[in-house]
Amino acid sequence: MKKLISGALAVLTAVIMALFPITAKAAVSGVWPVEPKFKTITTYFDPNRNVSDASGYHNAIDIQADGGSNIYAAYDGKVTFAGWLDGYGYTAVVWHSDLSVYTFYSHCSALKCSAGDTVSAGQIIGLVGMTGAATGNHLHFGVCDTIDNGWPRKTYFDPLSYFTYADVDVPSDTCECSEEYAGLYTTKNVQSYLNIRVSHSASSSSLGQIPAGAQIVVSKGDGTWAHVEYNGISGYCSMAYMERLGDVEPGMSVSGLTYPEGELTKGNVFYLKGVITSNLPIAKVWGGVYNAEDESATSQVTEATPNKSTYDLSLYFDKQIGFGKLDNGAYTYLVMAEDSEGNQFEIARSSFWIGAKPEEPAAEPHDTGDINLDGSVNIADAVVLQQYLICKTDMTEEGFALADINSSGRVDVFDLILLEDMVTE
């Protein structure tokens, strides 16, 4: 029966496809969202972001542009959000009703529109900046079909294929670099510094410099150019001036960490700080406040996707967790991080409570003869008692009480005889 139904469905699908063929949607003509002279894309859209919206994949394109330069609406629409959006910084979101999508413009230094405004394609809606989690002036420009309280959500679309841009020759993501070149490098034949470029070209502008002799993490390359990150700056370096040291060993550390511990007053705010440094790019940081009893998540948990080797908890993570919103109770504060190779690290763990101090569970009583306090009476206890009797080891006060098996007030060979019988049984 299942085979018959499956076959019938296959035939029906073929008939429908023949009668109503699906054609690919043509790209929409739009306006390049920054001044035409700015067309260097430092980070491209990654379709894997649609697999998991909480992953470290890029949901837009990053266009390098001068700070304070104009940002234009890509298409006619209505502004649904214009304001601060934590890691996105100052952000404008425009709804395009005839396309059923939103465009979003992030890291602005200033906004030139307000929620509710109707804008035309090419209208100035903001100025380029580096607000939020950004290390340089650029526009984070994306297209999506869902907005949640200002936040872009999947499904996302590649702005380079969704729109076409007249008179702007936009480079596509043709990078063929391989992870074969990934590893730890240092500079070679460099006297002062090595430039971090915005693209695979010595003529492209510099994002920063790497001092001579410094160690550099390379994620991929092609033998000529390498994808690098140094001091929080991501870009490209000429491999002619780099020498490989070896593989990058996974590892993370945190400095300047603050965390809630002990008693907190209900309604008070606690500020989280700490800079995570990783040998490999940090793909994900997650955690927050959990119930102490079973470590189930409270409403005060969050997640960030830095895609950098450093991450400052105070920039975004801290702002997402409201300790002042917690009710009386016992809690666990926990932060975890995962690098680009899937290695996970516990960054912070602490216990705290709000209101009355929770009662500590009573310790489980130990059986007489459990001298080493491991929860059972066995040969190990006999060994400890033998060592004690020949003066080769000491015994704790609790262990001494448990070793006085015949309750004589002293520990001697008669207790050892009784203990050996207990072990034998």
Protein backbone atom coordinates (compact mmCIF):
# COMPACT_ATOMS: atom_id res chain seq x y z
CA MET A 1 0.00 0.00 0.00
CA LYS A 2 2.81 2.41 0.92
CA LYS A 3 4.50 1.75 -2.44
CA LEU A 4 1.23 2.43 -4.30
CA ILE A 5 0.69 5.74 -2.45
CA SER A 6 4.31 6.77 -3.00
CA GLY A 7 4.06 6.01 -6.70
CA ALA A 8 0.79 7.92 -7.05
CA LEU A 9 2.30 10.96 -5.32
CA ALA A 10 5.30 10.87 -7.64
CA VAL A 11 3.04 10.82 -10.73
CA LEU A 12 0.89 13.65 -9.33
CA THR A 13 3.96 15.76 -8.58
CA ALA A 14 5.28 15.28 -12.13
CA VAL A 15 1.92 16.34 -13.60
CA ILE A 16 1.76 19.48 -11.43
CA MET A 17 5.35 20.43 -12.31
CA ALA A 18 4.57 20.01 -16.02
CA LEU A 19 1.41 22.14 -15.85
CA PHE A 20 2.80 24.79 -13.48
CA PRO A 21 6.55 25.02 -13.93
CA ILE A 22 8.43 26.94 -11.21
CA THR A 23 10.76 29.56 -12.56
CA ALA A 24 13.56 31.22 -10.64
CA LYS A 25 12.79 34.70 -9.34
CA ALA A 26 14.65 37.40 -11.26
CA ALA A 27 16.88 39.73 -9.26
CA VAL A 28 15.27 43.03 -8.28
CA SER A 29 16.81 46.29 -9.44
CA GLY A 30 17.96 48.18 -6.37
CA VAL A 31 20.23 51.00 -5.25
CA TRP A 32 23.71 50.23 -3.94
CA PRO A 33 23.34 51.12 -0.24
CA VAL A 34 26.53 53.20 0.04
CA GLU A 35 28.31 55.64 -2.24
CA PRO A 36 29.24 53.87 -5.52
CA LYS A 37 32.99 54.30 -4.93
CA PHE A 38 32.70 51.97 -1.92
CA LYS A 39 32.35 48.43 -3.25
CA THR A 40 34.94 46.42 -1.32
CA ILE A 41 33.17 43.60 0.50
CA THR A 42 35.10 42.37 3.52
CA THR A 43 32.65 39.60 4.51
CA TYR A 44 30.18 37.86 2.21
CA PHE A 45 26.79 36.31 2.95
CA ASP A 46 26.89 32.67 4.05
CA PRO A 47 23.76 30.59 3.23
CA ASN A 48 24.54 28.26 6.14
CA ARG A 49 23.06 30.95 8.38
CA ASN A 50 19.63 29.71 7.28
CA VAL A 51 20.40 26.27 8.69
CA SER A 52 20.67 27.69 12.20
CA ASP A 53 19.97 31.32 12.97
CA ALA A 54 22.04 30.98 16.14
CA SER A 55 25.18 29.88 14.30
CA GLY A 56 28.30 31.84 13.48
CA TYR A 57 27.51 32.19 9.78
CA HIS A 58 27.24 35.68 8.28
CA ASN A 59 23.68 36.81 7.52
CA ALA A 60 24.53 39.81 5.32
CA ILE A 61 27.42 41.46 3.46
CA ASP A 62 29.89 43.88 5.01
CA ILE A 63 30.77 46.80 2.74
CA GLN A 64 33.83 48.82 3.68
CA ALA A 65 33.11 52.57 3.56
CA ASP A 66 34.33 55.78 5.15
CA GLY A 67 32.85 56.72 8.49
CA GLY A 68 30.15 59.36 8.10
CA SER A 69 29.49 58.56 4.43
CA ASN A 70 25.89 58.14 3.26
CA ILE A 71 23.75 55.01 3.54
CA TYR A 72 20.91 54.74 1.02
CA ALA A 73 17.67 52.74 1.06
CA ALA A 74 18.10 49.94 -1.47
CA TYR A 75 14.42 49.94 -2.44
CA ASP A 76 11.15 51.79 -1.77
CA GLY A 77 9.65 50.87 1.58
CA LYS A 78 8.63 51.78 5.12
CA VAL A 79 10.98 52.02 8.10
CA THR A 80 9.85 49.57 10.78
CA PHE A 81 12.77 50.05 13.15
CA ALA A 82 15.43 52.72 13.65
CA GLY A 83 17.50 52.59 16.81
CA TRP A 84 20.09 50.76 18.88
CA LEU A 85 20.28 47.00 18.40
CA ASP A 86 23.14 45.90 20.68
CA GLY A 87 25.77 44.06 18.62
CA TYR A 88 24.34 45.54 15.41
CA GLY A 89 24.76 49.07 16.79
CA TYR A 90 22.52 51.75 15.34
CA THR A 91 20.33 49.95 12.81
CA ALA A 92 17.60 50.83 10.32
CA VAL A 93 15.13 48.21 9.07
CA VAL A 94 12.98 48.85 5.99
CA TRP A 95 9.93 46.76 4.97
CA HIS A 96 9.35 46.32 1.23
CA SER A 97 5.72 45.21 0.97
CA ASP A 98 5.76 44.37 -2.74
CA LEU A 99 8.81 42.14 -2.23
CA SER A 100 7.70 40.74 1.15
CA VAL A 101 11.20 41.21 2.55
CA TYR A 102 13.06 43.55 4.86
CA THR A 103 16.44 45.16 4.29
CA PHE A 104 18.57 46.05 7.30
CA TYR A 105 21.48 48.47 7.65
CA SER A 106 23.69 48.13 10.74
CA HIS A 107 26.66 49.70 12.58
CA CYS A 108 25.50 53.20 11.55
CA SER A 109 27.19 56.20 13.17
CA ALA A 110 23.89 58.08 12.86
CA LEU A 111 20.34 57.42 11.64
CA LYS A 112 18.54 59.76 9.25
CA CYS A 113 15.14 58.08 9.50
CA SER A 114 12.60 57.07 12.12
CA ALA A 115 10.21 54.13 12.52
CA GLY A 116 7.09 54.81 10.45
CA ASP A 117 8.87 56.85 7.75
CA THR A 118 8.17 56.03 4.12
CA VAL A 119 11.42 56.07 2.14
CA SER A 120 12.30 55.93 -1.53
CA ALA A 121 15.08 53.95 -3.16
CA GLY A 122 18.25 56.02 -2.93
CA GLN A 123 17.05 58.13 0.02
CA ILE A 124 19.65 58.73 2.74
CA ILE A 125 18.63 56.80 5.84
CA GLY A 126 21.86 56.81 7.84
CA LEU A 127 25.61 57.34 7.96
CA VAL A 128 28.31 54.66 7.92
CA GLY A 129 29.96 53.91 11.26
CA MET A 130 31.29 51.20 13.54
CA THR A 131 28.76 51.14 16.38
CA GLY A 132 27.97 47.88 18.15
CA ALA A 133 30.28 44.88 17.66
CA ALA A 134 32.40 46.31 14.84
CA THR A 135 36.14 46.89 14.52
CA GLY A 136 36.07 49.29 11.55
CA ASN A 137 33.78 51.54 9.56
CA HIS A 138 31.50 49.49 7.33
CA LEU A 139 27.86 48.80 6.48
CA HIS A 140 26.34 45.46 7.46
CA PHE A 141 23.67 45.18 4.74
CA GLY A 142 21.21 42.30 4.67
CA VAL A 143 17.89 41.00 3.33
CA CYS A 144 15.50 38.78 5.30
CA ASP A 145 11.82 37.85 5.51
CA THR A 146 11.33 38.08 9.29
CA ILE A 147 11.96 40.73 11.94
CA ASP A 148 11.55 40.03 15.67
CA ASN A 149 11.52 43.20 17.83
CA GLY A 150 13.92 44.82 15.40
CA TRP A 151 16.13 41.74 15.10
CA PRO A 152 16.62 40.18 11.64
CA ARG A 153 15.63 36.51 11.55
CA LYS A 154 15.81 33.79 8.90
CA THR A 155 15.16 33.29 6.11
CA TYR A 156 18.04 35.45 4.79
CA PHE A 157 18.90 36.24 1.17
CA ASP A 158 22.23 37.15 -0.40
CA PRO A 159 22.04 40.90 -1.17
CA LEU A 160 24.38 40.35 -4.13
CA SER A 161 21.94 38.01 -5.87
CA TYR A 162 18.61 39.35 -4.57
CA PHE A 163 19.25 42.82 -6.05
CA THR A 164 21.05 44.09 -9.11
CA TYR A 165 22.81 47.45 -8.83
CA ALA A 166 23.07 49.72 -11.87
CA ASP A 167 26.45 51.40 -12.51
CA VAL A 168 28.13 49.56 -9.61
CA ASP A 169 30.41 46.67 -10.48
CA VAL A 170 30.15 44.65 -7.27
CA PRO A 171 32.72 41.88 -6.79
CA SER A 172 31.30 38.43 -6.13
CA ASP A 173 32.62 36.00 -3.55
CA THR A 174 35.08 34.18 -5.81
CA CYS A 175 37.57 33.34 -3.09
CA GLU A 176 39.00 29.86 -3.66
CA CYS A 177 41.19 29.81 -0.57
CA SER A 178 41.57 26.48 1.21
CA GLU A 179 41.88 25.43 4.84
CA GLU A 180 44.95 23.50 3.69
CA TYR A 181 46.93 26.63 4.59
CA ALA A 182 45.35 27.06 8.03
CA GLY A 183 47.76 27.26 10.95
CA LEU A 184 49.96 29.46 13.08
CA TYR A 185 52.31 31.79 11.21
CA THR A 186 54.76 34.60 11.88
CA THR A 187 56.14 37.38 9.71
CA LYS A 188 59.05 36.78 7.31
CA ASN A 189 61.47 39.42 6.02
CA VAL A 190 59.38 42.14 7.68
CA GLN A 191 61.25 44.98 9.37
CA SER A 192 58.37 47.02 10.82
CA TYR A 193 54.87 45.63 10.13
CA LEU A 194 52.74 43.56 7.76
CA ASN A 195 49.54 45.14 6.42
CA ILE A 196 46.14 43.52 6.90
CA ARG A 197 44.28 44.25 3.62
CA VAL A 198 40.54 44.38 2.94
CA SER A 199 40.85 42.03 -0.04
CA HIS A 200 43.24 39.70 -1.89
CA SER A 201 45.11 42.65 -3.39
CA ALA A 202 48.17 44.69 -2.46
CA SER A 203 46.40 47.75 -3.88
CA SER A 204 43.43 47.44 -1.49
CA SER A 205 43.33 49.60 1.60
CA SER A 206 44.80 48.56 4.95
CA LEU A 207 42.65 47.65 7.94
CA GLY A 208 45.59 47.41 10.34
CA GLN A 209 49.13 46.20 10.84
CA ILE A 210 50.82 43.14 12.34
CA PRO A 211 54.16 43.89 14.05
CA ALA A 212 57.28 42.10 12.83
CA GLY A 213 57.78 38.81 14.66
CA ALA A 214 54.18 38.54 15.86
CA GLN A 215 52.25 35.27 15.68
CA ILE A 216 49.31 35.19 13.24
CA VAL A 217 46.36 32.79 13.06
CA VAL A 218 45.46 31.86 9.46
CA SER A 219 42.06 30.25 8.81
CA LYS A 220 42.62 29.58 5.08
CA GLY A 221 44.67 30.73 2.11
CA ASP A 222 45.69 30.08 -1.48
CA GLY A 223 49.48 30.28 -1.23
CA THR A 224 49.45 33.95 -2.21
CA TRP A 225 46.97 35.46 0.22
CA ALA A 226 45.88 34.32 3.66
CA HIS A 227 42.73 34.99 5.69
CA VAL A 228 44.03 36.29 9.02
CA GLU A 229 42.87 37.74 12.30
CA TYR A 230 45.06 39.80 14.57
CA ASN A 231 44.08 41.94 17.56
CA GLY A 232 40.41 41.53 16.64
CA ILE A 233 40.94 42.70 13.03
CA SER A 234 40.03 40.28 10.24
CA GLY A 235 41.41 40.67 6.73
CA TYR A 236 44.01 39.38 4.29
CA CYS A 237 47.82 39.27 4.32
CA SER A 238 50.36 38.47 1.63
CA MET A 239 51.77 35.00 2.26
CA ALA A 240 55.07 36.11 0.68
CA TYR A 241 55.81 37.77 4.02
CA MET A 242 54.61 34.95 6.25
CA GLU A 243 56.24 31.80 7.59
CA ARG A 244 54.32 28.82 8.98
CA LEU A 245 55.09 27.78 12.54
CA GLY A 246 52.66 24.85 12.83
CA ASP A 247 49.07 23.95 13.62
CA VAL A 248 46.97 26.07 15.94
CA GLU A 249 46.26 24.18 19.15
CA PRO A 250 42.76 24.83 20.53
CA GLY A 251 42.56 26.78 23.76
CA MET A 252 40.69 29.64 25.45
CA SER A 253 41.35 31.95 28.36
CA VAL A 254 39.42 34.82 29.95
CA SER A 255 40.67 37.96 31.66
CA GLY A 256 38.93 40.56 33.83
CA LEU A 257 36.04 38.19 34.54
CA THR A 258 33.22 39.23 36.87
CA TYR A 259 30.40 36.90 37.89
CA PRO A 260 27.59 36.85 40.46
CA GLU A 261 28.40 34.88 43.59
CA GLY A 262 26.75 34.53 46.99
CA GLU A 263 23.76 36.67 47.88
CA LEU A 264 22.25 39.22 45.46
CA THR A 265 19.54 41.69 46.38
CA LYS A 266 16.31 41.25 44.42
CA GLY A 267 15.92 43.92 41.74
CA ASN A 268 19.58 44.93 41.71
CA VAL A 269 21.65 44.92 38.52
CA PHE A 270 24.86 42.93 38.19
CA TYR A 271 27.31 43.84 35.41
CA LEU A 272 29.18 41.12 33.58
CA LYS A 273 32.71 41.71 32.33
CA GLY A 274 35.46 39.61 30.86
CA VAL A 275 37.40 39.27 27.61
CA ILE A 276 37.62 35.77 26.11
CA THR A 277 40.72 35.05 24.02
CA SER A 278 40.86 31.95 21.83
CA ASN A 279 43.60 30.36 19.73
CA LEU A 280 40.95 29.65 17.08
CA PRO A 281 38.02 31.89 16.05
CA ILE A 282 35.20 31.85 18.59
CA ALA A 283 32.15 30.49 16.78
CA LYS A 284 29.68 30.76 19.65
CA VAL A 285 29.35 32.02 23.23
CA TRP A 286 26.25 31.08 25.19
CA GLY A 287 24.90 30.84 28.71
CA GLY A 288 23.56 33.02 31.50
CA VAL A 289 21.41 32.18 34.52
CA TYR A 290 20.17 28.65 35.21
CA ASN A 291 18.12 27.20 38.07
CA ALA A 292 20.53 25.70 40.59
CA GLU A 293 18.49 22.58 41.29
CA ASP A 294 18.50 21.08 37.80
CA GLU A 295 20.44 23.68 35.75
CA SER A 296 17.40 24.32 33.55
CA ALA A 297 17.61 27.64 31.72
CA THR A 298 15.82 30.71 33.06
CA SER A 299 14.64 33.50 30.76
CA GLN A 300 18.01 35.19 31.32
CA VAL A 301 20.20 33.29 28.88
CA THR A 302 21.63 34.45 25.59
CA GLU A 303 23.97 33.53 22.74
CA ALA A 304 26.48 35.43 20.61
CA THR A 305 28.41 34.47 17.47
CA PRO A 306 31.63 36.52 17.46
CA ASN A 307 33.57 34.78 14.65
CA LYS A 308 36.70 36.41 16.09
CA SER A 309 39.50 35.23 18.33
CA THR A 310 38.46 37.64 21.09
CA TYR A 311 35.09 38.44 22.62
CA ASP A 312 34.21 41.06 25.24
CA LEU A 313 31.26 39.89 27.37
CA SER A 314 30.39 43.48 28.32
CA LEU A 315 29.62 44.55 24.72
CA TYR A 316 26.57 42.37 24.16
CA PHE A 317 26.36 39.41 26.53
CA ASP A 318 26.02 41.62 29.61
CA LYS A 319 23.21 43.69 28.08
CA GLN A 320 21.08 40.63 27.34
CA ILE A 321 20.96 39.27 30.90
CA GLY A 322 18.80 41.05 33.48
CA PHE A 323 19.74 39.92 36.98
CA GLY A 324 17.24 42.44 38.32
CA LYS A 325 14.42 40.44 36.71
CA LEU A 326 15.10 37.26 38.70
CA ASP A 327 12.78 36.03 41.47
CA ASN A 328 13.92 34.70 44.84
CA GLY A 329 15.75 31.42 44.50
CA ALA A 330 19.07 29.67 43.99
CA TYR A 331 20.85 30.00 40.63
CA THR A 332 23.88 28.92 38.67
CA TYR A 333 25.67 31.37 36.38
CA LEU A 334 27.30 29.53 33.47
CA VAL A 335 29.06 30.70 30.29
CA MET A 336 30.29 28.31 27.59
CA ALA A 337 32.17 28.97 24.35
CA GLU A 338 32.89 26.95 21.23
CA ASP A 339 35.67 27.55 18.72
CA SER A 340 35.55 27.11 14.94
CA GLU A 341 36.60 23.46 15.22
CA GLY A 342 33.83 22.57 17.66
CA ASN A 343 35.97 22.49 20.82
CA GLN A 344 33.91 23.64 23.83
CA PHE A 345 35.19 25.43 26.92
CA GLU A 346 33.59 26.38 30.22
CA ILE A 347 34.33 30.09 30.65
CA ALA A 348 32.57 30.79 33.95
CA ARG A 349 30.52 28.96 36.57
CA SER A 350 29.31 30.28 39.91
CA SER A 351 26.47 29.91 42.42
CA PHE A 352 24.33 32.71 43.80
CA TRP A 353 20.94 33.23 45.36
CA ILE A 354 18.30 35.91 45.80
CA GLY A 355 16.33 36.09 49.03
CA ALA A 356 16.88 33.55 51.81
CA LYS A 357 20.07 31.50 51.60
CA PRO A 358 19.21 27.99 50.38
CA GLU A 359 19.75 25.19 52.86
CA GLU A 360 22.70 22.97 52.09
CA PRO A 361 21.77 19.29 51.78
CA ALA A 362 22.84 17.18 54.73
CA ALA A 363 25.89 15.02 54.07
CA GLU A 364 25.21 11.35 53.57
CA PRO A 365 26.37 9.38 56.67
CA HIS A 366 29.24 6.97 56.10
CA ASP A 367 29.15 3.34 57.23
CA THR A 368 31.45 2.18 60.03
CA GLY A 369 34.59 0.87 58.36
CA ASP A 370 34.45 3.36 55.43
CA ILE A 371 37.73 4.90 56.57
CA ASN A 372 38.65 6.56 53.27
CA LEU A 373 35.12 8.05 52.95
CA ASP A 374 34.53 6.77 49.42
CA GLY A 375 30.99 5.56 50.18
CA SER A 376 31.70 1.85 50.56
CA VAL A 377 33.63 -0.57 52.79
CA ASN A 378 36.27 -2.39 50.77
CA ILE A 379 39.88 -3.52 50.64
CA ALA A 380 41.06 0.09 50.26
CA ASP A 381 39.82 0.82 53.80
CA ALA A 382 41.80 -2.16 55.16
CA VAL A 383 44.94 -0.84 53.45
CA VAL A 384 44.45 2.62 55.03
CA LEU A 385 43.99 1.06 58.49
CA GLN A 386 47.08 -1.14 58.07
CA GLN A 387 49.16 1.90 57.04
CA TYR A 388 47.85 3.84 60.04
CA LEU A 389 48.70 1.04 62.50
CA ILE A 390 52.34 0.89 61.31
CA CYS A 391 52.53 4.73 61.44
CA LYS A 392 52.89 5.24 57.68
CA THR A 393 49.83 7.46 57.24
CA ASP A 394 47.58 9.82 59.18
CA MET A 395 43.82 9.60 59.54
CA THR A 396 41.13 12.29 59.62
CA GLU A 397 38.98 12.72 62.70
CA GLU A 398 35.96 11.32 60.84
CA GLY A 399 38.02 8.44 59.48
CA PHE A 400 39.29 7.63 62.99
CA ALA A 401 35.70 7.40 64.29
CA LEU A 402 34.74 5.07 61.44
CA ALA A 403 37.86 2.93 62.03
CA ASP A 404 36.89 2.29 65.70
CA ILE A 405 34.73 -0.64 64.64
CA ASN A 406 34.47 -2.27 68.09
CA SER A 407 33.65 1.13 69.71
CA SER A 408 36.50 0.76 72.22
CA GLY A 409 37.54 4.40 71.95
CA ARG A 410 40.79 3.48 70.25
CA VAL A 411 41.88 2.12 66.88
CA ASP A 412 44.01 -1.02 67.04
CA VAL A 413 44.60 -4.45 65.52
CA PHE A 414 41.26 -5.74 66.84
CA ASP A 415 39.48 -3.19 64.60
CA LEU A 416 41.59 -4.42 61.67
CA ILE A 417 40.46 -8.03 62.31
CA LEU A 418 36.80 -6.96 62.33
CA LEU A 419 37.34 -4.85 59.18
CA GLU A 420 38.90 -7.79 57.34
CA ASP A 421 35.83 -9.86 58.22
CA MET A 422 33.56 -7.10 56.87
CA VAL A 423 35.52 -6.92 53.61
CA THR A 424 35.49 -10.70 53.24
CA GLU A 425 31.72 -10.78 53.70
